[in-house]
Amino acid sequence: MKIERLDINGVWLGQSPILADDRGQFREWFKARDFSEATGRKFDVQQSNISSSKKGVLRGIHYSIAPGGQGKWVTCVVGSIWDVVVDIRPSSPTYKKWVGMQLSEGDGKSIFISEGLGHAFISLEENSVISYLLTNAYSPSEEFEINPLDPELAIGWPKSLTLIMSAKDLSAPSLHARYLEGKLPS
């Protein structure tokens, strides 16, 4: 597995080979040793999640302010998504910067999102399925959202899709409002 740092500190792209033949395919989508060697940190899985989304579903921007934060290893196992990571750490030199990339079932890519970063994605196909490995369990009182359409962030969401969002994400505060509330990672 190859793991490379992206333009925001704490965001890493994993690329694993896919072995395919006439029976199907096989992929090692996470290896703790490779992850640790590339990032210099240990990844202790505390929770695993799977979500499926219809085409056009936009989820996020979600993040945790739990003690220790919540890192995520994300991969698309069915369909494809456009995945976005946003630096929402006010003290970071890349504060308000975002990176986006397509993750698809057959591309061998995964993305690691460090604690303190925001995460969102849009499903590009019907019934895209995403798998997450998490470094910390879900804690409802410490989980927050930022509106993914916040003009200050100006995320370049695909224009060809009709967006489907939860009421919670659609009415989520802006990044600036979360800053004023003191609800951003330190």
Foldseek 3Di string as FASTA:
>chain_A
DDKDDDPFPQKIKDFWDWAADPVGIDTDLDDQVNVCVHNVDGADFPDKDKDWDAAQEKDFQKWFQPVQTKKKKKAWQAAKKWKKKAQLDVVGPRHLAMDIDMHHNPGRMIMIGHGQITIMIGGRHGTTMMMMGMRDDDDVVGMAGAQPVQVSSVDPDDPPGDHDYDPRNNPGHHSVVCVVVVNGHD
